[in-house]
Amino acid sequence: MNANQLLWSRSRDALVSAVTGLGFSAELADLLARELGSPRAIDRMTGYVRQARPRTEEMLVDEMLAIKSEIDAWRERKESREAQERCTRRMYYGKAPDDE
């Protein structure tokens, strides 16, 4: 198992432990982990579960969707900044550095 797989596995296992500790199924925890898509997002979800101790599956799913939404918004902002930077370089230099 490589380092990345180990990181994913540890994050997923921590989430499964936190979710099952509240009486929910391991399958739900595994689904949440797969939907979140990264160890960092999974760790964030685990922190929420441990701190907020949600009482319903809906609360778990709502938080997972909120985390995904924030990540998507961050990616869009990052892509927008990168596109703006390329446009500014083209205007200033006459071509983008990737055009070389």
Protein backbone atom coordinates (compact mmCIF):
# COMPACT_ATOMS: atom_id res chain seq x y z
CA MET A 1 0.00 0.00 0.00
CA ASN A 2 1.51 3.36 -0.99
CA ALA A 3 1.49 6.48 1.19
CA ASN A 4 -1.55 8.00 -0.53
CA GLN A 5 -3.61 4.86 -0.11
CA LEU A 6 -2.56 4.67 3.53
CA LEU A 7 -3.68 8.27 4.09
CA TRP A 8 -7.06 7.56 2.46
CA SER A 9 -7.48 4.38 4.47
CA ARG A 10 -6.68 6.05 7.80
CA SER A 11 -9.04 8.95 7.09
CA ARG A 12 -11.85 6.64 6.04
CA ASP A 13 -11.32 4.37 9.05
CA ALA A 14 -11.44 7.35 11.43
CA LEU A 15 -14.72 8.52 9.88
CA VAL A 16 -16.20 5.03 10.05
CA SER A 17 -15.21 4.79 13.71
CA ALA A 18 -16.73 8.19 14.55
CA VAL A 19 -19.96 7.51 12.66
CA THR A 20 -20.45 3.98 13.98
CA GLY A 21 -19.67 5.28 17.47
CA LEU A 22 -22.85 7.34 17.21
CA GLY A 23 -24.88 4.29 16.21
CA PHE A 24 -24.98 4.80 12.44
CA SER A 25 -23.96 2.17 9.92
CA ALA A 26 -20.44 1.68 8.59
CA GLU A 27 -21.95 1.66 5.09
CA LEU A 28 -23.19 5.22 5.60
CA ALA A 29 -19.75 6.30 6.77
CA ASP A 30 -18.11 4.64 3.78
CA LEU A 31 -20.55 6.37 1.42
CA LEU A 32 -19.82 9.74 3.06
CA ALA A 33 -16.08 9.16 2.64
CA ARG A 34 -16.45 8.24 -1.04
CA GLU A 35 -18.62 11.28 -1.73
CA LEU A 36 -16.21 13.67 0.00
CA GLY A 37 -13.43 12.56 -2.28
CA SER A 38 -10.26 13.47 -0.36
CA PRO A 39 -8.60 12.61 2.94
CA ARG A 40 -8.65 16.25 3.99
CA ALA A 41 -12.41 16.52 3.42
CA ILE A 42 -12.94 13.20 5.19
CA ASP A 43 -10.90 14.44 8.17
CA ARG A 44 -13.00 17.59 8.24
CA MET A 45 -16.17 15.48 8.30
CA THR A 46 -14.72 13.33 11.08
CA GLY A 47 -14.07 16.45 13.12
CA TYR A 48 -17.66 17.55 12.64
CA VAL A 49 -19.00 14.14 13.69
CA ARG A 50 -16.86 14.07 16.83
CA GLN A 51 -17.66 17.63 17.84
CA ALA A 52 -21.32 18.07 16.84
CA ARG A 53 -22.42 14.48 17.48
CA PRO A 54 -25.28 14.65 14.95
CA ARG A 55 -28.42 12.76 15.88
CA THR A 56 -29.77 11.91 12.42
CA GLU A 57 -28.47 10.62 9.12
CA GLU A 58 -29.85 13.77 7.51
CA MET A 59 -27.56 15.91 9.65
CA LEU A 60 -24.58 13.84 8.51
CA VAL A 61 -25.55 14.11 4.87
CA ASP A 62 -26.24 17.84 5.15
CA GLU A 63 -22.76 18.45 6.56
CA MET A 64 -21.17 16.28 3.86
CA LEU A 65 -22.98 18.32 1.20
CA ALA A 66 -21.89 21.58 2.85
CA ILE A 67 -18.26 20.45 2.86
CA LYS A 68 -18.49 19.41 -0.80
CA SER A 69 -20.08 22.75 -1.68
CA GLU A 70 -17.29 24.71 0.02
CA ILE A 71 -14.64 22.63 -1.76
CA ASP A 72 -16.36 23.18 -5.13
CA ALA A 73 -16.57 26.94 -4.50
CA TRP A 74 -12.86 27.01 -3.57
CA ARG A 75 -11.95 25.15 -6.79
CA GLU A 76 -14.01 27.58 -8.87
CA ARG A 77 -12.31 30.59 -7.22
CA LYS A 78 -8.89 29.03 -7.83
CA GLU A 79 -9.67 28.32 -11.50
CA SER A 80 -11.00 31.84 -11.93
CA ARG A 81 -7.86 33.39 -10.40
CA GLU A 82 -5.66 31.26 -12.65
CA ALA A 83 -7.65 32.25 -15.73
CA GLN A 84 -7.44 35.92 -14.76
CA GLU A 85 -3.69 35.59 -14.25
CA ARG A 86 -3.25 34.05 -17.72
CA CYS A 87 -5.36 36.82 -19.26
CA THR A 88 -3.33 39.50 -17.49
CA ARG A 89 -0.06 37.93 -18.66
CA ARG A 90 -1.34 37.86 -22.24
CA MET A 91 -2.29 41.51 -22.05
CA TYR A 92 1.03 42.50 -20.46
CA TYR A 93 3.44 40.26 -22.37
CA GLY A 94 1.44 39.70 -25.52
CA LYS A 95 1.31 35.98 -24.98
CA ALA A 96 0.92 33.54 -22.13
CA PRO A 97 4.01 31.78 -20.77
CA ASP A 98 2.45 28.45 -21.88
CA ASP A 99 2.42 29.71 -25.50
CA GLU A 100 6.22 29.49 -25.69
